[in-house]
PDB file of all heavy atoms in Angstrom:
ATOM      1  N   THR A   1       1.067  -9.424   8.604  1.00  0.00           N
ATOM      2  CA  THR A   1       1.989  -9.890   7.564  1.00  0.00           C
ATOM      3  C   THR A   1       3.446  -9.711   7.965  1.00  0.00           C
ATOM      4  O   THR A   1       4.338 -10.179   7.263  1.00  0.00           O
ATOM      5  CB  THR A   1       1.753  -9.160   6.226  1.00  0.00           C
ATOM      6  OG1 THR A   1       2.126  -7.783   6.376  1.00  0.00           O
ATOM      7  CG2 THR A   1       0.322  -9.288   5.767  1.00  0.00           C
ATOM      8  N   ILE A   2       3.701  -9.019   9.077  1.00  0.00           N
ATOM      9  CA  ILE A   2       5.077  -8.714   9.484  1.00  0.00           C
ATOM     10  C   ILE A   2       5.573  -9.782  10.454  1.00  0.00           C
ATOM     11  O   ILE A   2       4.923 -10.082  11.447  1.00  0.00           O
ATOM     12  CB  ILE A   2       5.157  -7.322  10.143  1.00  0.00           C
ATOM     13  CG1 ILE A   2       4.691  -6.242   9.171  1.00  0.00           C
ATOM     14  CG2 ILE A   2       6.579  -7.045  10.620  1.00  0.00           C
ATOM     15  CD1 ILE A   2       4.534  -4.879   9.798  1.00  0.00           C
ATOM     16  N   LEU A   3       6.729 -10.336  10.148  1.00  0.00           N
ATOM     17  CA  LEU A   3       7.363 -11.346  10.998  1.00  0.00           C
ATOM     18  C   LEU A   3       8.739 -10.845  11.419  1.00  0.00           C
ATOM     19  O   LEU A   3       9.486 -10.295  10.605  1.00  0.00           O
ATOM     20  CB  LEU A   3       7.521 -12.666  10.250  1.00  0.00           C
ATOM     21  CG  LEU A   3       6.253 -13.333   9.751  1.00  0.00           C
ATOM     22  CD1 LEU A   3       6.621 -14.522   8.868  1.00  0.00           C
ATOM     23  CD2 LEU A   3       5.400 -13.784  10.918  1.00  0.00           C
ATOM     24  N   HIS A   4       9.076 -11.052  12.682  1.00  0.00           N
ATOM     25  CA  HIS A   4      10.402 -10.693  13.185  1.00  0.00           C
ATOM     26  C   HIS A   4      11.115 -11.981  13.557  1.00  0.00           C
ATOM     27  O   HIS A   4      10.649 -12.720  14.415  1.00  0.00           O
ATOM     28  CB  HIS A   4      10.288  -9.769  14.397  1.00  0.00           C
ATOM     29  CG  HIS A   4      11.606  -9.297  14.898  1.00  0.00           C
ATOM     30  ND1 HIS A   4      12.125  -9.708  16.082  1.00  0.00           N
ATOM     31  CD2 HIS A   4      12.508  -8.456  14.354  1.00  0.00           C
ATOM     32  CE1 HIS A   4      13.302  -9.139  16.262  1.00  0.00           C
ATOM     33  NE2 HIS A   4      13.548  -8.373  15.223  1.00  0.00           N
ATOM     34  N   MET A   5      12.205 -12.248  12.856  1.00  0.00           N
ATOM     35  CA  MET A   5      12.963 -13.481  13.101  1.00  0.00           C
ATOM     36  C   MET A   5      14.430 -13.121  13.292  1.00  0.00           C
ATOM     37  O   MET A   5      15.065 -12.650  12.349  1.00  0.00           O
ATOM     38  CB  MET A   5      12.817 -14.436  11.914  1.00  0.00           C
ATOM     39  CG  MET A   5      11.385 -14.823  11.625  1.00  0.00           C
ATOM     40  SD  MET A   5      11.202 -15.893  10.187  1.00  0.00           S
ATOM     41  CE  MET A   5      11.888 -14.905   8.881  1.00  0.00           C
ATOM     42  N   ARG A   6      14.946 -13.328  14.494  1.00  0.00           N
ATOM     43  CA  ARG A   6      16.333 -13.005  14.831  1.00  0.00           C
ATOM     44  C   ARG A   6      16.658 -11.591  14.400  1.00  0.00           C
ATOM     45  O   ARG A   6      16.107 -10.652  14.921  1.00  0.00           O
ATOM     46  CB  ARG A   6      17.281 -14.029  14.253  1.00  0.00           C
ATOM     47  CG  ARG A   6      17.100 -15.382  14.882  1.00  0.00           C
ATOM     48  CD  ARG A   6      18.224 -16.293  14.517  1.00  0.00           C
ATOM     49  NE  ARG A   6      17.890 -17.622  15.057  1.00  0.00           N
ATOM     50  CZ  ARG A   6      18.755 -18.549  15.210  1.00  0.00           C
ATOM     51  NH1 ARG A   6      20.011 -18.357  14.869  1.00  0.00           N
ATOM     52  NH2 ARG A   6      18.391 -19.711  15.700  1.00  0.00           N
ATOM     53  N   ASN A   7      17.547 -11.445  13.437  1.00  0.00           N
ATOM     54  CA  ASN A   7      17.941 -10.107  12.988  1.00  0.00           C
ATOM     55  C   ASN A   7      17.279  -9.711  11.679  1.00  0.00           C
ATOM     56  O   ASN A   7      17.813  -8.878  10.954  1.00  0.00           O
ATOM     57  CB  ASN A   7      19.470 -10.038  12.832  1.00  0.00           C
ATOM     58  CG  ASN A   7      20.169 -10.102  14.155  1.00  0.00           C
ATOM     59  OD1 ASN A   7      19.587  -9.760  15.178  1.00  0.00           O
ATOM     60  ND2 ASN A   7      21.414 -10.545  14.149  1.00  0.00           N
ATOM     61  N   ARG A   8      16.159 -10.316  11.373  1.00  0.00           N
ATOM     62  CA  ARG A   8      15.464 -10.014  10.116  1.00  0.00           C
ATOM     63  C   ARG A   8      14.016  -9.660  10.388  1.00  0.00           C
ATOM     64  O   ARG A   8      13.381 -10.220  11.261  1.00  0.00           O
ATOM     65  CB  ARG A   8      15.497 -11.234   9.195  1.00  0.00           C
ATOM     66  CG  ARG A   8      16.883 -11.544   8.662  1.00  0.00           C
ATOM     67  CD  ARG A   8      16.870 -12.705   7.704  1.00  0.00           C
ATOM     68  NE  ARG A   8      15.961 -12.414   6.601  1.00  0.00           N
ATOM     69  CZ  ARG A   8      15.362 -13.360   5.892  1.00  0.00           C
ATOM     70  NH1 ARG A   8      15.558 -14.628   6.156  1.00  0.00           N
ATOM     71  NH2 ARG A   8      14.567 -13.038   4.907  1.00  0.00           N
ATOM     72  N   ILE A   9      13.532  -8.740   9.592  1.00  0.00           N
ATOM     73  CA  ILE A   9      12.109  -8.413   9.600  1.00  0.00           C
ATOM     74  C   ILE A   9      11.595  -8.738   8.205  1.00  0.00           C
ATOM     75  O   ILE A   9      12.132  -8.270   7.210  1.00  0.00           O
ATOM     76  CB  ILE A   9      11.854  -6.931   9.913  1.00  0.00           C
ATOM     77  CG1 ILE A   9      12.344  -6.600  11.325  1.00  0.00           C
ATOM     78  CG2 ILE A   9      10.375  -6.604   9.766  1.00  0.00           C
ATOM     79  CD1 ILE A   9      12.271  -5.148  11.668  1.00  0.00           C
ATOM     80  N   VAL A  10      10.562  -9.560   8.129  1.00  0.00           N
ATOM     81  CA  VAL A  10       9.999  -9.972   6.850  1.00  0.00           C
ATOM     82  C   VAL A  10       8.553  -9.512   6.792  1.00  0.00           C
ATOM     83  O   VAL A  10       7.804  -9.664   7.751  1.00  0.00           O
ATOM     84  CB  VAL A  10      10.078 -11.515   6.704  1.00  0.00           C
ATOM     85  CG1 VAL A  10       9.483 -11.951   5.382  1.00  0.00           C
ATOM     86  CG2 VAL A  10      11.512 -11.985   6.823  1.00  0.00           C
ATOM     87  N   GLY A  11       8.156  -8.959   5.672  1.00  0.00           N
ATOM     88  CA  GLY A  11       6.767  -8.582   5.469  1.00  0.00           C
ATOM     89  C   GLY A  11       6.480  -7.107   5.632  1.00  0.00           C
ATOM     90  O   GLY A  11       5.357  -6.663   5.430  1.00  0.00           O
ATOM     91  N   LEU A  12       7.481  -6.318   5.967  1.00  0.00           N
ATOM     92  CA  LEU A  12       7.256  -4.898   6.203  1.00  0.00           C
ATOM     93  C   LEU A  12       6.814  -4.175   4.931  1.00  0.00           C
ATOM     94  O   LEU A  12       5.870  -3.386   4.954  1.00  0.00           O
ATOM     95  CB  LEU A  12       8.526  -4.270   6.770  1.00  0.00           C
ATOM     96  CG  LEU A  12       8.411  -2.913   7.417  1.00  0.00           C
ATOM     97  CD1 LEU A  12       7.366  -2.932   8.518  1.00  0.00           C
ATOM     98  CD2 LEU A  12       9.756  -2.487   7.981  1.00  0.00           C
ATOM     99  N   THR A  13       7.467  -4.463   3.819  1.00  0.00           N
ATOM    100  CA  THR A  13       7.084  -3.824   2.555  1.00  0.00           C
ATOM    101  C   THR A  13       5.704  -4.298   2.117  1.00  0.00           C
ATOM    102  O   THR A  13       4.903  -3.513   1.602  1.00  0.00           O
ATOM    103  CB  THR A  13       8.131  -4.114   1.465  1.00  0.00           C
ATOM    104  OG1 THR A  13       9.402  -3.653   1.932  1.00  0.00           O
ATOM    105  CG2 THR A  13       7.792  -3.408   0.164  1.00  0.00           C
ATOM    106  N   THR A  14       5.396  -5.561   2.337  1.00  0.00           N
ATOM    107  CA  THR A  14       4.072  -6.069   1.997  1.00  0.00           C
ATOM    108  C   THR A  14       3.003  -5.338   2.803  1.00  0.00           C
ATOM    109  O   THR A  14       1.987  -4.915   2.264  1.00  0.00           O
ATOM    110  CB  THR A  14       3.989  -7.587   2.249  1.00  0.00           C
ATOM    111  OG1 THR A  14       4.932  -8.229   1.396  1.00  0.00           O
ATOM    112  CG2 THR A  14       2.597  -8.121   1.977  1.00  0.00           C
ATOM    113  N   ALA A  15       3.240  -5.174   4.097  1.00  0.00           N
ATOM    114  CA  ALA A  15       2.280  -4.470   4.952  1.00  0.00           C
ATOM    115  C   ALA A  15       2.103  -3.021   4.502  1.00  0.00           C
ATOM    116  O   ALA A  15       0.974  -2.516   4.409  1.00  0.00           O
ATOM    117  CB  ALA A  15       2.736  -4.519   6.404  1.00  0.00           C
ATOM    118  N   ALA A  16       3.213  -2.363   4.199  1.00  0.00           N
ATOM    119  CA  ALA A  16       3.138  -0.975   3.742  1.00  0.00           C
ATOM    120  C   ALA A  16       2.424  -0.879   2.399  1.00  0.00           C
ATOM    121  O   ALA A  16       1.631   0.049   2.164  1.00  0.00           O
ATOM    122  CB  ALA A  16       4.543  -0.390   3.647  1.00  0.00           C
ATOM    123  N   GLY A  17       2.690  -1.835   1.519  1.00  0.00           N
ATOM    124  CA  GLY A  17       2.021  -1.842   0.212  1.00  0.00           C
ATOM    125  C   GLY A  17       0.522  -2.054   0.344  1.00  0.00           C
ATOM    126  O   GLY A  17      -0.271  -1.424  -0.359  1.00  0.00           O
ATOM    127  N   MET A  18       0.128  -2.932   1.254  1.00  0.00           N
ATOM    128  CA  MET A  18      -1.302  -3.171   1.484  1.00  0.00           C
ATOM    129  C   MET A  18      -1.965  -1.904   2.025  1.00  0.00           C
ATOM    130  O   MET A  18      -3.066  -1.542   1.607  1.00  0.00           O
ATOM    131  CB  MET A  18      -1.484  -4.337   2.452  1.00  0.00           C
ATOM    132  CG  MET A  18      -1.063  -5.668   1.851  1.00  0.00           C
ATOM    133  SD  MET A  18      -0.839  -6.993   3.046  1.00  0.00           S
ATOM    134  CE  MET A  18      -2.504  -7.228   3.610  1.00  0.00           C
ATOM    135  N   TRP A  19      -1.286  -1.227   2.927  1.00  0.00           N
ATOM    136  CA  TRP A  19      -1.813   0.007   3.507  1.00  0.00           C
ATOM    137  C   TRP A  19      -1.959   1.074   2.417  1.00  0.00           C
ATOM    138  O   TRP A  19      -2.989   1.744   2.313  1.00  0.00           O
ATOM    139  CB  TRP A  19      -0.871   0.453   4.620  1.00  0.00           C
ATOM    140  CG  TRP A  19      -1.326   1.626   5.411  1.00  0.00           C
ATOM    141  CD1 TRP A  19      -2.376   1.688   6.275  1.00  0.00           C
ATOM    142  CD2 TRP A  19      -0.729   2.918   5.411  1.00  0.00           C
ATOM    143  NE1 TRP A  19      -2.454   2.934   6.819  1.00  0.00           N
ATOM    144  CE2 TRP A  19      -1.450   3.718   6.304  1.00  0.00           C
ATOM    145  CE3 TRP A  19       0.370   3.471   4.745  1.00  0.00           C
ATOM    146  CZ2 TRP A  19      -1.124   5.046   6.549  1.00  0.00           C
ATOM    147  CZ3 TRP A  19       0.689   4.785   4.996  1.00  0.00           C
ATOM    148  CH2 TRP A  19      -0.048   5.561   5.892  1.00  0.00           C
ATOM    149  N   ALA A  20      -0.932   1.202   1.563  1.00  0.00           N
ATOM    150  CA  ALA A  20      -0.960   2.206   0.502  1.00  0.00           C
ATOM    151  C   ALA A  20      -2.016   1.889  -0.552  1.00  0.00           C
ATOM    152  O   ALA A  20      -2.709   2.784  -1.050  1.00  0.00           O
ATOM    153  CB  ALA A  20       0.421   2.319  -0.149  1.00  0.00           C
ATOM    154  N   VAL A  21      -2.174   0.611  -0.908  1.00  0.00           N
ATOM    155  CA  VAL A  21      -3.165   0.260  -1.922  1.00  0.00           C
ATOM    156  C   VAL A  21      -4.589   0.444  -1.369  1.00  0.00           C
ATOM    157  O   VAL A  21      -5.522   0.719  -2.128  1.00  0.00           O
ATOM    158  CB  VAL A  21      -2.902  -1.148  -2.492  1.00  0.00           C
ATOM    159  CG1 VAL A  21      -3.507  -2.240  -1.668  1.00  0.00           C
ATOM    160  CG2 VAL A  21      -3.387  -1.251  -3.926  1.00  0.00           C
ATOM    161  N   ALA A  22      -4.755   0.351  -0.062  1.00  0.00           N
ATOM    162  CA  ALA A  22      -6.057   0.673   0.537  1.00  0.00           C
ATOM    163  C   ALA A  22      -6.359   2.158   0.351  1.00  0.00           C
ATOM    164  O   ALA A  22      -7.502   2.543   0.079  1.00  0.00           O
ATOM    165  CB  ALA A  22      -6.082   0.312   2.022  1.00  0.00           C
ATOM    166  N   ALA A  23      -5.328   2.987   0.457  1.00  0.00           N
ATOM    167  CA  ALA A  23      -5.510   4.417   0.212  1.00  0.00           C
ATOM    168  C   ALA A  23      -5.888   4.669  -1.244  1.00  0.00           C
ATOM    169  O   ALA A  23      -6.737   5.517  -1.542  1.00  0.00           O
ATOM    170  CB  ALA A  23      -4.237   5.178   0.576  1.00  0.00           C
ATOM    171  N   VAL A  24      -5.275   3.913  -2.154  1.00  0.00           N
ATOM    172  CA  VAL A  24      -5.633   4.018  -3.574  1.00  0.00           C
ATOM    173  C   VAL A  24      -7.106   3.664  -3.758  1.00  0.00           C
ATOM    174  O   VAL A  24      -7.848   4.382  -4.425  1.00  0.00           O
ATOM    175  CB  VAL A  24      -4.727   3.100  -4.439  1.00  0.00           C
ATOM    176  CG1 VAL A  24      -5.260   2.973  -5.860  1.00  0.00           C
ATOM    177  CG2 VAL A  24      -3.301   3.622  -4.455  1.00  0.00           C
ATOM    178  N   GLY A  25      -7.534   2.573  -3.154  1.00  0.00           N
ATOM    179  CA  GLY A  25      -8.945   2.196  -3.226  1.00  0.00           C
ATOM    180  C   GLY A  25      -9.854   3.248  -2.628  1.00  0.00           C
ATOM    181  O   GLY A  25     -10.927   3.547  -3.161  1.00  0.00           O
ATOM    182  N   LEU A  26      -9.427   3.841  -1.523  1.00  0.00           N
ATOM    183  CA  LEU A  26     -10.229   4.874  -0.865  1.00  0.00           C
ATOM    184  C   LEU A  26     -10.444   6.070  -1.784  1.00  0.00           C
ATOM    185  O   LEU A  26     -11.569   6.528  -1.961  1.00  0.00           O
ATOM    186  CB  LEU A  26      -9.534   5.307   0.430  1.00  0.00           C
ATOM    187  CG  LEU A  26     -10.341   6.200   1.357  1.00  0.00           C
ATOM    188  CD1 LEU A  26      -9.964   5.911   2.802  1.00  0.00           C
ATOM    189  CD2 LEU A  26     -10.109   7.662   1.067  1.00  0.00           C
ATOM    190  N   VAL A  27      -9.365   6.580  -2.396  1.00  0.00           N
ATOM    191  CA  VAL A  27      -9.531   7.765  -3.239  1.00  0.00           C
ATOM    192  C   VAL A  27     -10.286   7.446  -4.526  1.00  0.00           C
ATOM    193  O   VAL A  27     -11.077   8.269  -5.000  1.00  0.00           O
ATOM    194  CB  VAL A  27      -8.193   8.492  -3.519  1.00  0.00           C
ATOM    195  CG1 VAL A  27      -7.574   8.989  -2.227  1.00  0.00           C
ATOM    196  CG2 VAL A  27      -7.211   7.645  -4.282  1.00  0.00           C
ATOM    197  N   ILE A  28     -10.077   6.257  -5.086  1.00  0.00           N
ATOM    198  CA  ILE A  28     -10.862   5.894  -6.269  1.00  0.00           C
ATOM    199  C   ILE A  28     -12.327   5.721  -5.872  1.00  0.00           C
ATOM    200  O   ILE A  28     -13.217   6.138  -6.599  1.00  0.00           O
ATOM    201  CB  ILE A  28     -10.298   4.636  -6.953  1.00  0.00           C
ATOM    202  CG1 ILE A  28      -8.943   4.954  -7.597  1.00  0.00           C
ATOM    203  CG2 ILE A  28     -11.276   4.108  -8.015  1.00  0.00           C
ATOM    204  CD1 ILE A  28      -8.224   3.754  -8.179  1.00  0.00           C
ATOM    205  N   GLY A  29     -12.577   5.141  -4.707  1.00  0.00           N
ATOM    206  CA  GLY A  29     -13.948   5.014  -4.213  1.00  0.00           C
ATOM    207  C   GLY A  29     -14.622   6.356  -4.033  1.00  0.00           C
ATOM    208  O   GLY A  29     -15.836   6.484  -4.151  1.00  0.00           O
ATOM    209  N   ALA A  30     -13.822   7.381  -3.745  1.00  0.00           N
ATOM    210  CA  ALA A  30     -14.355   8.736  -3.603  1.00  0.00           C
ATOM    211  C   ALA A  30     -14.494   9.444  -4.953  1.00  0.00           C
ATOM    212  O   ALA A  30     -14.962  10.572  -5.014  1.00  0.00           O
ATOM    213  CB  ALA A  30     -13.454   9.556  -2.682  1.00  0.00           C
ATOM    214  N   GLY A  31     -14.093   8.763  -6.031  1.00  0.00           N
ATOM    215  CA  GLY A  31     -14.232   9.348  -7.367  1.00  0.00           C
ATOM    216  C   GLY A  31     -13.011  10.101  -7.844  1.00  0.00           C
ATOM    217  O   GLY A  31     -13.051  10.751  -8.879  1.00  0.00           O
ATOM    218  N   LEU A  32     -11.903  10.018  -7.124  1.00  0.00           N
ATOM    219  CA  LEU A  32     -10.682  10.725  -7.490  1.00  0.00           C
ATOM    220  C   LEU A  32      -9.790   9.790  -8.317  1.00  0.00           C
ATOM    221  O   LEU A  32      -8.757   9.324  -7.868  1.00  0.00           O
ATOM    222  CB  LEU A  32      -9.967  11.216  -6.232  1.00  0.00           C
ATOM    223  CG  LEU A  32     -10.810  12.101  -5.315  1.00  0.00           C
ATOM    224  CD1 LEU A  32     -10.094  12.359  -4.003  1.00  0.00           C
ATOM    225  CD2 LEU A  32     -11.179  13.398  -6.012  1.00  0.00           C
ATOM    226  N   TYR A  33     -10.210   9.538  -9.546  1.00  0.00           N
ATOM    227  CA  TYR A  33      -9.555   8.557 -10.407  1.00  0.00           C
ATOM    228  C   TYR A  33      -8.108   8.916 -10.720  1.00  0.00           C
ATOM    229  O   TYR A  33      -7.225   8.048 -10.697  1.00  0.00           O
ATOM    230  CB  TYR A  33     -10.318   8.390 -11.723  1.00  0.00           C
ATOM    231  CG  TYR A  33     -11.697   7.819 -11.560  1.00  0.00           C
ATOM    232  CD1 TYR A  33     -12.822   8.623 -11.653  1.00  0.00           C
ATOM    233  CD2 TYR A  33     -11.882   6.462 -11.311  1.00  0.00           C
ATOM    234  CE1 TYR A  33     -14.094   8.092 -11.505  1.00  0.00           C
ATOM    235  CE2 TYR A  33     -13.144   5.924 -11.162  1.00  0.00           C
ATOM    236  CZ  TYR A  33     -14.249   6.747 -11.259  1.00  0.00           C
ATOM    237  OH  TYR A  33     -15.496   6.216 -11.117  1.00  0.00           O
ATOM    238  N   ILE A  34      -7.841  10.159 -11.054  1.00  0.00           N
ATOM    239  CA  ILE A  34      -6.485  10.564 -11.437  1.00  0.00           C
ATOM    240  C   ILE A  34      -5.541  10.386 -10.257  1.00  0.00           C
ATOM    241  O   ILE A  34      -4.438   9.841 -10.399  1.00  0.00           O
ATOM    242  CB  ILE A  34      -6.463  12.014 -11.963  1.00  0.00           C
ATOM    243  CG1 ILE A  34      -7.239  12.084 -13.286  1.00  0.00           C
ATOM    244  CG2 ILE A  34      -5.033  12.519 -12.137  1.00  0.00           C
ATOM    245  CD1 ILE A  34      -7.475  13.485 -13.808  1.00  0.00           C
ATOM    246  N   LEU A  35      -5.949  10.817  -9.064  1.00  0.00           N
ATOM    247  CA  LEU A  35      -5.132  10.654  -7.875  1.00  0.00           C
ATOM    248  C   LEU A  35      -4.901   9.168  -7.586  1.00  0.00           C
ATOM    249  O   LEU A  35      -3.775   8.752  -7.291  1.00  0.00           O
ATOM    250  CB  LEU A  35      -5.788  11.329  -6.668  1.00  0.00           C
ATOM    251  CG  LEU A  35      -5.073  11.164  -5.326  1.00  0.00           C
ATOM    252  CD1 LEU A  35      -3.658  11.720  -5.391  1.00  0.00           C
ATOM    253  CD2 LEU A  35      -5.878  11.833  -4.224  1.00  0.00           C
ATOM    254  N   GLY A  36      -5.928   8.357  -7.696  1.00  0.00           N
ATOM    255  CA  GLY A  36      -5.814   6.933  -7.409  1.00  0.00           C
ATOM    256  C   GLY A  36      -4.936   6.198  -8.390  1.00  0.00           C
ATOM    257  O   GLY A  36      -4.010   5.474  -7.992  1.00  0.00           O
ATOM    258  N   VAL A  37      -5.191   6.373  -9.674  1.00  0.00           N
ATOM    259  CA  VAL A  37      -4.400   5.682 -10.692  1.00  0.00           C
ATOM    260  C   VAL A  37      -2.963   6.208 -10.688  1.00  0.00           C
ATOM    261  O   VAL A  37      -2.004   5.436 -10.762  1.00  0.00           O
ATOM    262  CB  VAL A  37      -5.051   5.811 -12.087  1.00  0.00           C
ATOM    263  CG1 VAL A  37      -4.146   5.248 -13.173  1.00  0.00           C
ATOM    264  CG2 VAL A  37      -6.405   5.106 -12.104  1.00  0.00           C
ATOM    265  N   GLY A  38      -2.795   7.515 -10.580  1.00  0.00           N
ATOM    266  CA  GLY A  38      -1.456   8.096 -10.530  1.00  0.00           C
ATOM    267  C   GLY A  38      -0.673   7.608  -9.321  1.00  0.00           C
ATOM    268  O   GLY A  38       0.523   7.286  -9.426  1.00  0.00           O
ATOM    269  N   SER A  39      -1.323   7.523  -8.177  1.00  0.00           N
ATOM    270  CA  SER A  39      -0.668   7.022  -6.970  1.00  0.00           C
ATOM    271  C   SER A  39      -0.273   5.559  -7.135  1.00  0.00           C
ATOM    272  O   SER A  39       0.813   5.144  -6.702  1.00  0.00           O
ATOM    273  CB  SER A  39      -1.590   7.165  -5.761  1.00  0.00           C
ATOM    274  OG  SER A  39      -1.848   8.522  -5.503  1.00  0.00           O
ATOM    275  N   ALA A  40      -1.127   4.777  -7.749  1.00  0.00           N
ATOM    276  CA  ALA A  40      -0.807   3.358  -7.971  1.00  0.00           C
ATOM    277  C   ALA A  40       0.395   3.211  -8.897  1.00  0.00           C
ATOM    278  O   ALA A  40       1.244   2.346  -8.684  1.00  0.00           O
ATOM    279  CB  ALA A  40      -2.014   2.623  -8.538  1.00  0.00           C
ATOM    280  N   VAL A  41       0.488   4.059  -9.903  1.00  0.00           N
ATOM    281  CA  VAL A  41       1.651   4.022 -10.802  1.00  0.00           C
ATOM    282  C   VAL A  41       2.913   4.348 -10.009  1.00  0.00           C
ATOM    283  O   VAL A  41       3.937   3.671 -10.149  1.00  0.00           O
ATOM    284  CB  VAL A  41       1.470   4.989 -11.994  1.00  0.00           C
ATOM    285  CG1 VAL A  41       2.767   5.184 -12.762  1.00  0.00           C
ATOM    286  CG2 VAL A  41       0.365   4.493 -12.919  1.00  0.00           C
ATOM    287  N   LEU A  42       2.852   5.356  -9.142  1.00  0.00           N
ATOM    288  CA  LEU A  42       4.010   5.693  -8.315  1.00  0.00           C
ATOM    289  C   LEU A  42       4.377   4.548  -7.375  1.00  0.00           C
ATOM    290  O   LEU A  42       5.556   4.235  -7.195  1.00  0.00           O
ATOM    291  CB  LEU A  42       3.731   6.966  -7.518  1.00  0.00           C
ATOM    292  CG  LEU A  42       3.592   8.246  -8.341  1.00  0.00           C
ATOM    293  CD1 LEU A  42       3.167   9.403  -7.453  1.00  0.00           C
ATOM    294  CD2 LEU A  42       4.888   8.564  -9.078  1.00  0.00           C
ATOM    295  N   LEU A  43       3.369   3.905  -6.773  1.00  0.00           N
ATOM    296  CA  LEU A  43       3.621   2.753  -5.911  1.00  0.00           C
ATOM    297  C   LEU A  43       4.303   1.630  -6.688  1.00  0.00           C
ATOM    298  O   LEU A  43       5.265   1.018  -6.212  1.00  0.00           O
ATOM    299  CB  LEU A  43       2.318   2.223  -5.321  1.00  0.00           C
ATOM    300  CG  LEU A  43       1.634   3.070  -4.265  1.00  0.00           C
ATOM    301  CD1 LEU A  43       0.253   2.508  -3.963  1.00  0.00           C
ATOM    302  CD2 LEU A  43       2.479   3.121  -3.021  1.00  0.00           C
TER     303      LEU A  43
END
C-alpha cells in the first residue's frame, strides 16, 4: 500500500493502520476483548 513518488510517501499510515488492526484481530481472536476493543478505540 506504500508508494514513493518524488518527495512524497503515500500509504504509510494506511499500512500502519492495517498492521495495527491485525493486532486488534489477533488479541480479540485470543479472547482478549477489552484489550482489542480498547486498542481499536485508541487507534
